[in-house]
């Protein structure tokens, strides 16, 4: 049996949904994209998504974003990096990212 994270730790793993033109088109195919903590693995991401949204995850793909350099005047630094999680759900489940309230 897999060790499950505590509920408050699961909530902190998912940072925010990534909403672009391409990702909003993929929502029709039950594919969602989230920014997650860099240290998380696919099993932890699956547990967090299933706990937060009460859905069943079919498949997860992850990727680490490359380093991006940012310049401000004469100073050079790097932008904060995160891991992208591309999540595919089963047919019966959806996540409502856009509340119509």
PDB file of N, CA and C in Angstrom:
ATOM      1  N   UNK A   1       0.844  -1.193   0.000  1.00  0.00           N
ATOM      2  CA  UNK A   1       0.000   0.000   0.000  1.00  0.00           C
ATOM      3  C   UNK A   1       0.882   1.247   0.000  1.00  0.00           C
ATOM      4  N   UNK A   2       0.456   2.250  -0.702  1.00  0.00           N
ATOM      5  CA  UNK A   2       1.240   3.457  -0.888  1.00  0.00           C
ATOM      6  C   UNK A   2       1.019   4.393   0.299  1.00  0.00           C
ATOM      7  N   UNK A   3       2.099   5.003   0.776  1.00  0.00           N
ATOM      8  CA  UNK A   3       1.962   6.001   1.837  1.00  0.00           C
ATOM      9  C   UNK A   3       1.301   7.232   1.263  1.00  0.00           C
ATOM     10  N   UNK A   4       0.180   7.625   1.836  1.00  0.00           N
ATOM     11  CA  UNK A   4      -0.528   8.803   1.346  1.00  0.00           C
ATOM     12  C   UNK A   4      -0.079  10.030   2.133  1.00  0.00           C
ATOM     13  N   UNK A   5       0.074  11.124   1.419  1.00  0.00           N
ATOM     14  CA  UNK A   5       0.417  12.380   2.062  1.00  0.00           C
ATOM     15  C   UNK A   5      -0.743  12.843   2.916  1.00  0.00           C
ATOM     16  N   UNK A   6      -0.452  13.660   3.882  1.00  0.00           N
ATOM     17  CA  UNK A   6      -1.529  14.275   4.644  1.00  0.00           C
ATOM     18  C   UNK A   6      -2.233  15.289   3.756  1.00  0.00           C
ATOM     19  N   UNK A   7      -3.499  15.552   4.070  1.00  0.00           N
ATOM     20  CA  UNK A   7      -4.334  16.383   3.200  1.00  0.00           C
ATOM     21  C   UNK A   7      -3.773  17.783   3.013  1.00  0.00           C
ATOM     22  N   UNK A   8      -3.203  18.391   4.066  1.00  0.00           N
ATOM     23  CA  UNK A   8      -2.684  19.751   3.913  1.00  0.00           C
ATOM     24  C   UNK A   8      -1.436  19.777   3.036  1.00  0.00           C
ATOM     25  N   UNK A   9      -0.640  18.702   3.030  1.00  0.00           N
ATOM     26  CA  UNK A   9       0.518  18.648   2.142  1.00  0.00           C
ATOM     27  C   UNK A   9       0.083  18.472   0.692  1.00  0.00           C
ATOM     28  N   UNK A  10      -1.000  17.710   0.474  1.00  0.00           N
ATOM     29  CA  UNK A  10      -1.491  17.519  -0.888  1.00  0.00           C
ATOM     30  C   UNK A  10      -1.965  18.833  -1.490  1.00  0.00           C
ATOM     31  N   UNK A  11      -2.581  19.682  -0.686  1.00  0.00           N
ATOM     32  CA  UNK A  11      -3.070  20.964  -1.187  1.00  0.00           C
ATOM     33  C   UNK A  11      -1.931  21.884  -1.597  1.00  0.00           C
ATOM     34  N   UNK A  12      -0.769  21.741  -0.965  1.00  0.00           N
ATOM     35  CA  UNK A  12       0.359  22.620  -1.265  1.00  0.00           C
ATOM     36  C   UNK A  12       1.173  22.163  -2.474  1.00  0.00           C
ATOM     37  N   UNK A  13       0.961  20.949  -2.961  1.00  0.00           N
ATOM     38  CA  UNK A  13       1.735  20.458  -4.100  1.00  0.00           C
ATOM     39  C   UNK A  13       1.341  21.132  -5.404  1.00  0.00           C
ATOM     40  N   UNK A  14       0.056  21.411  -5.581  1.00  0.00           N
ATOM     41  CA  UNK A  14      -0.438  22.033  -6.810  1.00  0.00           C
ATOM     42  C   UNK A  14      -0.411  23.543  -6.635  1.00  0.00           C
ATOM     43  N   UNK A  15       0.329  24.247  -7.507  1.00  0.00           N
ATOM     44  CA  UNK A  15       0.430  25.701  -7.373  1.00  0.00           C
ATOM     45  C   UNK A  15      -0.750  26.410  -8.031  1.00  0.00           C
ATOM     46  N   UNK A  16      -0.905  26.229  -9.338  1.00  0.00           N
ATOM     47  CA  UNK A  16      -1.972  26.913 -10.068  1.00  0.00           C
ATOM     48  C   UNK A  16      -2.153  26.249 -11.429  1.00  0.00           C
ATOM     49  N   UNK A  17      -3.333  26.410 -12.037  1.00  0.00           N
ATOM     50  CA  UNK A  17      -3.510  25.888 -13.398  1.00  0.00           C
ATOM     51  C   UNK A  17      -2.843  26.820 -14.410  1.00  0.00           C
ATOM     52  N   UNK A  18      -2.300  26.234 -15.453  1.00  0.00           N
ATOM     53  CA  UNK A  18      -1.692  27.015 -16.528  1.00  0.00           C
ATOM     54  C   UNK A  18      -2.747  27.178 -17.612  1.00  0.00           C
ATOM     55  N   UNK A  19      -3.162  28.421 -17.836  1.00  0.00           N
ATOM     56  CA  UNK A  19      -4.245  28.696 -18.777  1.00  0.00           C
ATOM     57  C   UNK A  19      -3.694  29.523 -19.933  1.00  0.00           C
ATOM     58  N   UNK A  20      -3.600  28.887 -21.094  1.00  0.00           N
ATOM     59  CA  UNK A  20      -3.188  29.548 -22.324  1.00  0.00           C
ATOM     60  C   UNK A  20      -4.185  29.156 -23.407  1.00  0.00           C
ATOM     61  N   UNK A  21      -3.985  29.649 -24.613  1.00  0.00           N
ATOM     62  CA  UNK A  21      -4.867  29.279 -25.723  1.00  0.00           C
ATOM     63  C   UNK A  21      -4.812  27.772 -25.983  1.00  0.00           C
ATOM     64  N   UNK A  22      -3.611  27.232 -25.964  1.00  0.00           N
ATOM     65  CA  UNK A  22      -3.441  25.814 -26.257  1.00  0.00           C
ATOM     66  C   UNK A  22      -4.076  24.943 -25.164  1.00  0.00           C
ATOM     67  N   UNK A  23      -3.896  25.325 -23.902  1.00  0.00           N
ATOM     68  CA  UNK A  23      -4.444  24.495 -22.823  1.00  0.00           C
ATOM     69  C   UNK A  23      -5.960  24.591 -22.739  1.00  0.00           C
ATOM     70  N   UNK A  24      -6.545  25.733 -23.097  1.00  0.00           N
ATOM     71  CA  UNK A  24      -8.001  25.817 -23.070  1.00  0.00           C
ATOM     72  C   UNK A  24      -8.623  24.969 -24.177  1.00  0.00           C
ATOM     73  N   UNK A  25      -7.925  24.800 -25.287  1.00  0.00           N
ATOM     74  CA  UNK A  25      -8.421  23.895 -26.325  1.00  0.00           C
ATOM     75  C   UNK A  25      -8.350  22.444 -25.865  1.00  0.00           C
ATOM     76  N   UNK A  26      -7.349  22.103 -25.084  1.00  0.00           N
ATOM     77  CA  UNK A  26      -7.180  20.733 -24.609  1.00  0.00           C
ATOM     78  C   UNK A  26      -8.181  20.361 -23.520  1.00  0.00           C
ATOM     79  N   UNK A  27      -8.822  21.338 -22.889  1.00  0.00           N
ATOM     80  CA  UNK A  27      -9.820  21.047 -21.857  1.00  0.00           C
ATOM     81  C   UNK A  27     -10.982  20.260 -22.461  1.00  0.00           C
ATOM     82  N   UNK A  28     -11.288  20.482 -23.730  1.00  0.00           N
ATOM     83  CA  UNK A  28     -12.350  19.727 -24.394  1.00  0.00           C
ATOM     84  C   UNK A  28     -12.025  18.234 -24.461  1.00  0.00           C
ATOM     85  N   UNK A  29     -10.738  17.874 -24.462  1.00  0.00           N
ATOM     86  CA  UNK A  29     -10.305  16.477 -24.506  1.00  0.00           C
ATOM     87  C   UNK A  29      -9.999  15.919 -23.123  1.00  0.00           C
ATOM     88  N   UNK A  30     -10.431  16.611 -22.065  1.00  0.00           N
ATOM     89  CA  UNK A  30     -10.180  16.211 -20.667  1.00  0.00           C
ATOM     90  C   UNK A  30      -8.696  16.217 -20.331  1.00  0.00           C
ATOM     91  N   UNK A  31      -7.954  17.164 -20.878  1.00  0.00           N
ATOM     92  CA  UNK A  31      -6.534  17.322 -20.561  1.00  0.00           C
ATOM     93  C   UNK A  31      -6.348  18.683 -19.903  1.00  0.00           C
ATOM     94  N   UNK A  32      -5.739  18.677 -18.713  1.00  0.00           N
ATOM     95  CA  UNK A  32      -5.524  19.892 -17.936  1.00  0.00           C
ATOM     96  C   UNK A  32      -4.042  20.032 -17.633  1.00  0.00           C
ATOM     97  N   UNK A  33      -3.580  21.277 -17.489  1.00  0.00           N
ATOM     98  CA  UNK A  33      -2.171  21.542 -17.228  1.00  0.00           C
ATOM     99  C   UNK A  33      -2.064  22.354 -15.942  1.00  0.00           C
ATOM    100  N   UNK A  34      -1.216  21.895 -15.024  1.00  0.00           N
ATOM    101  CA  UNK A  34      -1.014  22.559 -13.742  1.00  0.00           C
ATOM    102  C   UNK A  34       0.471  22.780 -13.498  1.00  0.00           C
ATOM    103  N   UNK A  35       0.789  23.843 -12.768  1.00  0.00           N
ATOM    104  CA  UNK A  35       2.139  24.056 -12.264  1.00  0.00           C
ATOM    105  C   UNK A  35       2.195  23.420 -10.884  1.00  0.00           C
ATOM    106  N   UNK A  36       3.214  22.601 -10.651  1.00  0.00           N
ATOM    107  CA  UNK A  36       3.338  21.892  -9.384  1.00  0.00           C
ATOM    108  C   UNK A  36       4.725  22.137  -8.797  1.00  0.00           C
ATOM    109  N   UNK A  37       4.909  21.723  -7.550  1.00  0.00           N
ATOM    110  CA  UNK A  37       6.221  21.830  -6.904  1.00  0.00           C
ATOM    111  C   UNK A  37       7.239  20.983  -7.657  1.00  0.00           C
ATOM    112  N   UNK A  38       8.500  21.419  -7.660  1.00  0.00           N
ATOM    113  CA  UNK A  38       9.530  20.734  -8.440  1.00  0.00           C
ATOM    114  C   UNK A  38       9.854  19.345  -7.907  1.00  0.00           C
ATOM    115  N   UNK A  39       9.691  19.115  -6.607  1.00  0.00           N
ATOM    116  CA  UNK A  39      10.120  17.856  -6.005  1.00  0.00           C
ATOM    117  C   UNK A  39       9.071  16.752  -6.109  1.00  0.00           C
ATOM    118  N   UNK A  40       7.866  17.066  -6.561  1.00  0.00           N
ATOM    119  CA  UNK A  40       6.801  16.071  -6.559  1.00  0.00           C
ATOM    120  C   UNK A  40       6.978  15.062  -7.682  1.00  0.00           C
ATOM    121  N   UNK A  41       6.481  13.850  -7.441  1.00  0.00           N
ATOM    122  CA  UNK A  41       6.499  12.832  -8.481  1.00  0.00           C
ATOM    123  C   UNK A  41       5.069  12.613  -8.973  1.00  0.00           C
ATOM    124  N   UNK A  42       4.914  11.722  -9.941  1.00  0.00           N
ATOM    125  CA  UNK A  42       3.611  11.535 -10.575  1.00  0.00           C
ATOM    126  C   UNK A  42       2.578  10.968  -9.610  1.00  0.00           C
ATOM    127  N   UNK A  43       2.991  10.094  -8.718  1.00  0.00           N
ATOM    128  CA  UNK A  43       2.057   9.504  -7.763  1.00  0.00           C
ATOM    129  C   UNK A  43       1.509  10.564  -6.807  1.00  0.00           C
ATOM    130  N   UNK A  44       2.372  11.446  -6.326  1.00  0.00           N
ATOM    131  CA  UNK A  44       1.925  12.518  -5.434  1.00  0.00           C
ATOM    132  C   UNK A  44       1.000  13.493  -6.165  1.00  0.00           C
ATOM    133  N   UNK A  45       1.300  13.790  -7.424  1.00  0.00           N
ATOM    134  CA  UNK A  45       0.448  14.686  -8.209  1.00  0.00           C
ATOM    135  C   UNK A  45      -0.921  14.050  -8.408  1.00  0.00           C
ATOM    136  N   UNK A  46      -0.940  12.756  -8.700  1.00  0.00           N
ATOM    137  CA  UNK A  46      -2.204  12.050  -8.896  1.00  0.00           C
ATOM    138  C   UNK A  46      -3.041  12.080  -7.624  1.00  0.00           C
ATOM    139  N   UNK A  47      -2.431  11.823  -6.482  1.00  0.00           N
ATOM    140  CA  UNK A  47      -3.160  11.853  -5.208  1.00  0.00           C
ATOM    141  C   UNK A  47      -3.702  13.248  -4.928  1.00  0.00           C
ATOM    142  N   UNK A  48      -2.918  14.275  -5.222  1.00  0.00           N
ATOM    143  CA  UNK A  48      -3.344  15.648  -4.947  1.00  0.00           C
ATOM    144  C   UNK A  48      -4.520  16.052  -5.833  1.00  0.00           C
ATOM    145  N   UNK A  49      -4.452  15.745  -7.130  1.00  0.00           N
ATOM    146  CA  UNK A  49      -5.535  16.112  -8.048  1.00  0.00           C
ATOM    147  C   UNK A  49      -6.813  15.362  -7.692  1.00  0.00           C
ATOM    148  N   UNK A  50      -6.697  14.076  -7.402  1.00  0.00           N
ATOM    149  CA  UNK A  50      -7.879  13.297  -7.050  1.00  0.00           C
ATOM    150  C   UNK A  50      -8.493  13.776  -5.737  1.00  0.00           C
ATOM    151  N   UNK A  51      -7.668  14.204  -4.795  1.00  0.00           N
ATOM    152  CA  UNK A  51      -8.187  14.711  -3.525  1.00  0.00           C
ATOM    153  C   UNK A  51      -8.833  16.086  -3.689  1.00  0.00           C
ATOM    154  N   UNK A  52      -8.193  16.979  -4.437  1.00  0.00           N
ATOM    155  CA  UNK A  52      -8.688  18.351  -4.556  1.00  0.00           C
ATOM    156  C   UNK A  52      -9.968  18.456  -5.377  1.00  0.00           C
ATOM    157  N   UNK A  53     -10.045  17.724  -6.487  1.00  0.00           N
ATOM    158  CA  UNK A  53     -11.147  17.906  -7.420  1.00  0.00           C
ATOM    159  C   UNK A  53     -12.125  16.737  -7.476  1.00  0.00           C
ATOM    160  N   UNK A  54     -11.895  15.677  -6.724  1.00  0.00           N
ATOM    161  CA  UNK A  54     -12.759  14.483  -6.701  1.00  0.00           C
ATOM    162  C   UNK A  54     -12.955  13.907  -8.107  1.00  0.00           C
ATOM    163  N   UNK A  55     -11.852  13.651  -8.793  1.00  0.00           N
ATOM    164  CA  UNK A  55     -11.866  13.085 -10.139  1.00  0.00           C
ATOM    165  C   UNK A  55     -10.947  11.865 -10.172  1.00  0.00           C
ATOM    166  N   UNK A  56     -10.976  11.127 -11.286  1.00  0.00           N
ATOM    167  CA  UNK A  56     -10.085   9.992 -11.493  1.00  0.00           C
ATOM    168  C   UNK A  56      -9.102  10.331 -12.604  1.00  0.00           C
ATOM    169  N   UNK A  57      -7.815  10.225 -12.307  1.00  0.00           N
ATOM    170  CA  UNK A  57      -6.760  10.562 -13.258  1.00  0.00           C
ATOM    171  C   UNK A  57      -6.405   9.329 -14.070  1.00  0.00           C
ATOM    172  N   UNK A  58      -6.365   9.497 -15.393  1.00  0.00           N
ATOM    173  CA  UNK A  58      -6.024   8.400 -16.293  1.00  0.00           C
ATOM    174  C   UNK A  58      -4.523   8.361 -16.567  1.00  0.00           C
ATOM    175  N   UNK A  59      -3.931   9.535 -16.839  1.00  0.00           N
ATOM    176  CA  UNK A  59      -2.529   9.594 -17.242  1.00  0.00           C
ATOM    177  C   UNK A  59      -1.925  10.922 -16.825  1.00  0.00           C
ATOM    178  N   UNK A  60      -0.642  10.902 -16.462  1.00  0.00           N
ATOM    179  CA  UNK A  60       0.075  12.130 -16.087  1.00  0.00           C
ATOM    180  C   UNK A  60       1.400  12.177 -16.835  1.00  0.00           C
ATOM    181  N   UNK A  61       1.681  13.304 -17.456  1.00  0.00           N
ATOM    182  CA  UNK A  61       2.989  13.591 -18.037  1.00  0.00           C
ATOM    183  C   UNK A  61       3.547  14.805 -17.318  1.00  0.00           C
ATOM    184  N   UNK A  62       4.837  14.775 -17.007  1.00  0.00           N
ATOM    185  CA  UNK A  62       5.459  15.906 -16.323  1.00  0.00           C
ATOM    186  C   UNK A  62       6.673  16.364 -17.100  1.00  0.00           C
ATOM    187  N   UNK A  63       7.007  17.648 -16.927  1.00  0.00           N
ATOM    188  CA  UNK A  63       8.222  18.174 -17.527  1.00  0.00           C
ATOM    189  C   UNK A  63       8.728  19.338 -16.688  1.00  0.00           C
ATOM    190  N   UNK A  64      10.051  19.420 -16.592  1.00  0.00           N
ATOM    191  CA  UNK A  64      10.686  20.534 -15.902  1.00  0.00           C
ATOM    192  C   UNK A  64      10.958  21.627 -16.922  1.00  0.00           C
ATOM    193  N   UNK A  65      10.558  22.835 -16.577  1.00  0.00           N
ATOM    194  CA  UNK A  65      10.790  23.944 -17.499  1.00  0.00           C
ATOM    195  C   UNK A  65      12.267  24.321 -17.500  1.00  0.00           C
ATOM    196  N   UNK A  66      12.796  24.778 -18.644  1.00  0.00           N
ATOM    197  CA  UNK A  66      14.205  25.172 -18.692  1.00  0.00           C
ATOM    198  C   UNK A  66      14.443  26.488 -17.956  1.00  0.00           C
ATOM    199  N   UNK A  67      15.710  26.752 -17.653  1.00  0.00           N
ATOM    200  CA  UNK A  67      16.086  27.987 -16.966  1.00  0.00           C
ATOM    201  C   UNK A  67      15.918  29.165 -17.920  1.00  0.00           C
ATOM    202  N   UNK A  68      15.274  30.226 -17.443  1.00  0.00           N
ATOM    203  CA  UNK A  68      15.111  31.440 -18.236  1.00  0.00           C
ATOM    204  C   UNK A  68      15.833  32.579 -17.529  1.00  0.00           C
ATOM    205  N   UNK A  69      16.636  33.308 -18.291  1.00  0.00           N
ATOM    206  CA  UNK A  69      17.433  34.401 -17.733  1.00  0.00           C
ATOM    207  C   UNK A  69      16.658  35.701 -17.859  1.00  0.00           C
ATOM    208  N   UNK A  70      16.649  36.473 -16.797  1.00  0.00           N
ATOM    209  CA  UNK A  70      15.941  37.749 -16.751  1.00  0.00           C
ATOM    210  C   UNK A  70      16.962  38.835 -16.418  1.00  0.00           C
ATOM    211  N   UNK A  71      16.940  39.942 -17.174  1.00  0.00           N
ATOM    212  CA  UNK A  71      17.853  41.054 -16.920  1.00  0.00           C
ATOM    213  C   UNK A  71      17.066  42.272 -16.483  1.00  0.00           C
ATOM    214  N   UNK A  72      17.555  42.924 -15.439  1.00  0.00           N
ATOM    215  CA  UNK A  72      17.007  44.194 -14.979  1.00  0.00           C
ATOM    216  C   UNK A  72      18.193  45.143 -14.843  1.00  0.00           C
ATOM    217  N   UNK A  73      18.329  46.040 -15.814  1.00  0.00           N
ATOM    218  CA  UNK A  73      19.479  46.941 -15.807  1.00  0.00           C
ATOM    219  C   UNK A  73      20.758  46.154 -16.031  1.00  0.00           C
ATOM    220  N   UNK A  74      21.692  46.307 -15.118  1.00  0.00           N
ATOM    221  CA  UNK A  74      22.954  45.578 -15.247  1.00  0.00           C
ATOM    222  C   UNK A  74      22.939  44.256 -14.489  1.00  0.00           C
ATOM    223  N   UNK A  75      21.855  43.955 -13.809  1.00  0.00           N
ATOM    224  CA  UNK A  75      21.766  42.733 -13.013  1.00  0.00           C
ATOM    225  C   UNK A  75      21.117  41.607 -13.814  1.00  0.00           C
ATOM    226  N   UNK A  76      21.655  40.416 -13.662  1.00  0.00           N
ATOM    227  CA  UNK A  76      21.146  39.242 -14.353  1.00  0.00           C
ATOM    228  C   UNK A  76      20.739  38.198 -13.319  1.00  0.00           C
ATOM    229  N   UNK A  77      19.595  37.593 -13.545  1.00  0.00           N
ATOM    230  CA  UNK A  77      19.135  36.559 -12.632  1.00  0.00           C
ATOM    231  C   UNK A  77      18.330  35.525 -13.401  1.00  0.00           C
ATOM    232  N   UNK A  78      17.748  34.588 -12.669  1.00  0.00           N
ATOM    233  CA  UNK A  78      16.932  33.565 -13.299  1.00  0.00           C
ATOM    234  C   UNK A  78      15.509  33.659 -12.775  1.00  0.00           C
ATOM    235  N   UNK A  79      14.559  33.312 -13.628  1.00  0.00           N
ATOM    236  CA  UNK A  79      13.161  33.281 -13.229  1.00  0.00           C
ATOM    237  C   UNK A  79      12.913  32.022 -12.404  1.00  0.00           C
ATOM    238  N   UNK A  80      11.910  32.081 -11.547  1.00  0.00           N
ATOM    239  CA  UNK A  80      11.589  30.907 -10.759  1.00  0.00           C
ATOM    240  C   UNK A  80      11.049  29.820 -11.674  1.00  0.00           C
ATOM    241  N   UNK A  81      11.459  28.596 -11.409  1.00  0.00           N
ATOM    242  CA  UNK A  81      11.075  27.471 -12.243  1.00  0.00           C
ATOM    243  C   UNK A  81      10.063  26.616 -11.509  1.00  0.00           C
ATOM    244  N   UNK A  82       9.232  25.944 -12.269  1.00  0.00           N
ATOM    245  CA  UNK A  82       8.298  24.986 -11.705  1.00  0.00           C
ATOM    246  C   UNK A  82       8.177  23.806 -12.655  1.00  0.00           C
ATOM    247  N   UNK A  83       7.537  22.766 -12.176  1.00  0.00           N
ATOM    248  CA  UNK A  83       7.300  21.580 -12.992  1.00  0.00           C
ATOM    249  C   UNK A  83       5.895  21.669 -13.558  1.00  0.00           C
ATOM    250  N   UNK A  84       5.739  21.317 -14.821  1.00  0.00           N
ATOM    251  CA  UNK A  84       4.425  21.269 -15.449  1.00  0.00           C
ATOM    252  C   UNK A  84       3.897  19.856 -15.366  1.00  0.00           C
ATOM    253  N   UNK A  85       2.621  19.727 -15.009  1.00  0.00           N
ATOM    254  CA  UNK A  85       1.972  18.428 -14.997  1.00  0.00           C
ATOM    255  C   UNK A  85       0.815  18.471 -15.987  1.00  0.00           C
ATOM    256  N   UNK A  86       0.855  17.609 -16.983  1.00  0.00           N
ATOM    257  CA  UNK A  86      -0.211  17.502 -17.974  1.00  0.00           C
ATOM    258  C   UNK A  86      -1.048  16.295 -17.574  1.00  0.00           C
ATOM    259  N   UNK A  87      -2.307  16.539 -17.227  1.00  0.00           N
ATOM    260  CA  UNK A  87      -3.149  15.526 -16.605  1.00  0.00           C
ATOM    261  C   UNK A  87      -4.312  15.195 -17.524  1.00  0.00           C
ATOM    262  N   UNK A  88      -4.479  13.908 -17.804  1.00  0.00           N
ATOM    263  CA  UNK A  88      -5.601  13.431 -18.604  1.00  0.00           C
ATOM    264  C   UNK A  88      -6.550  12.689 -17.675  1.00  0.00           C
ATOM    265  N   UNK A  89      -7.838  13.049 -17.746  1.00  0.00           N
ATOM    266  CA  UNK A  89      -8.858  12.443 -16.900  1.00  0.00           C
ATOM    267  C   UNK A  89      -9.670  11.425 -17.689  1.00  0.00           C
ATOM    268  N   UNK A  90     -10.356  10.557 -16.944  1.00  0.00           N
ATOM    269  CA  UNK A  90     -11.292   9.634 -17.580  1.00  0.00           C
ATOM    270  C   UNK A  90     -12.470  10.424 -18.146  1.00  0.00           C
ATOM    271  N   UNK A  91     -13.215   9.809 -19.062  1.00  0.00           N
ATOM    272  CA  UNK A  91     -14.296  10.481 -19.794  1.00  0.00           C
ATOM    273  C   UNK A  91     -15.363  11.096 -18.895  1.00  0.00           C
ATOM    274  N   UNK A  92     -15.727  10.433 -17.811  1.00  0.00           N
ATOM    275  CA  UNK A  92     -16.854  10.880 -16.984  1.00  0.00           C
ATOM    276  C   UNK A  92     -16.523  12.080 -16.102  1.00  0.00           C
ATOM    277  N   UNK A  93     -15.272  12.452 -15.972  1.00  0.00           N
ATOM    278  CA  UNK A  93     -14.851  13.470 -15.015  1.00  0.00           C
ATOM    279  C   UNK A  93     -14.383  14.739 -15.722  1.00  0.00           C
ATOM    280  N   UNK A  94     -14.650  15.874 -15.090  1.00  0.00           N
ATOM    281  CA  UNK A  94     -14.160  17.167 -15.571  1.00  0.00           C
ATOM    282  C   UNK A  94     -13.765  18.019 -14.366  1.00  0.00           C
ATOM    283  N   UNK A  95     -12.941  19.012 -14.600  1.00  0.00           N
ATOM    284  CA  UNK A  95     -12.545  19.989 -13.583  1.00  0.00           C
ATOM    285  C   UNK A  95     -13.055  21.342 -14.043  1.00  0.00           C
ATOM    286  N   UNK A  96     -13.783  22.049 -13.169  1.00  0.00           N
ATOM    287  CA  UNK A  96     -14.314  23.354 -13.516  1.00  0.00           C
ATOM    288  C   UNK A  96     -13.300  24.424 -13.111  1.00  0.00           C
ATOM    289  N   UNK A  97     -12.484  24.858 -14.050  1.00  0.00           N
ATOM    290  CA  UNK A  97     -11.485  25.894 -13.778  1.00  0.00           C
ATOM    291  C   UNK A  97     -12.071  27.293 -13.865  1.00  0.00           C
ATOM    292  N   UNK A  98     -13.126  27.460 -14.639  1.00  0.00           N
ATOM    293  CA  UNK A  98     -13.732  28.763 -14.856  1.00  0.00           C
ATOM    294  C   UNK A  98     -15.087  28.789 -14.155  1.00  0.00           C
ATOM    295  N   UNK A  99     -15.136  29.343 -12.951  1.00  0.00           N
ATOM    296  CA  UNK A  99     -16.416  29.448 -12.226  1.00  0.00           C
ATOM    297  C   UNK A  99     -17.282  30.498 -12.867  1.00  0.00           C
ATOM    298  N   UNK A 100     -18.542  30.181 -13.113  1.00  0.00           N
ATOM    299  CA  UNK A 100     -19.479  31.113 -13.731  1.00  0.00           C
ATOM    300  C   UNK A 100     -20.382  31.771 -12.689  1.00  0.00           C
ATOM    301  N   UNK A 101     -19.830  32.131 -11.549  1.00  0.00           N
ATOM    302  CA  UNK A 101     -20.638  32.758 -10.484  1.00  0.00           C
ATOM    303  C   UNK A 101     -20.708  34.251 -10.665  1.00  0.00           C
TER     304      UNK A 101
END
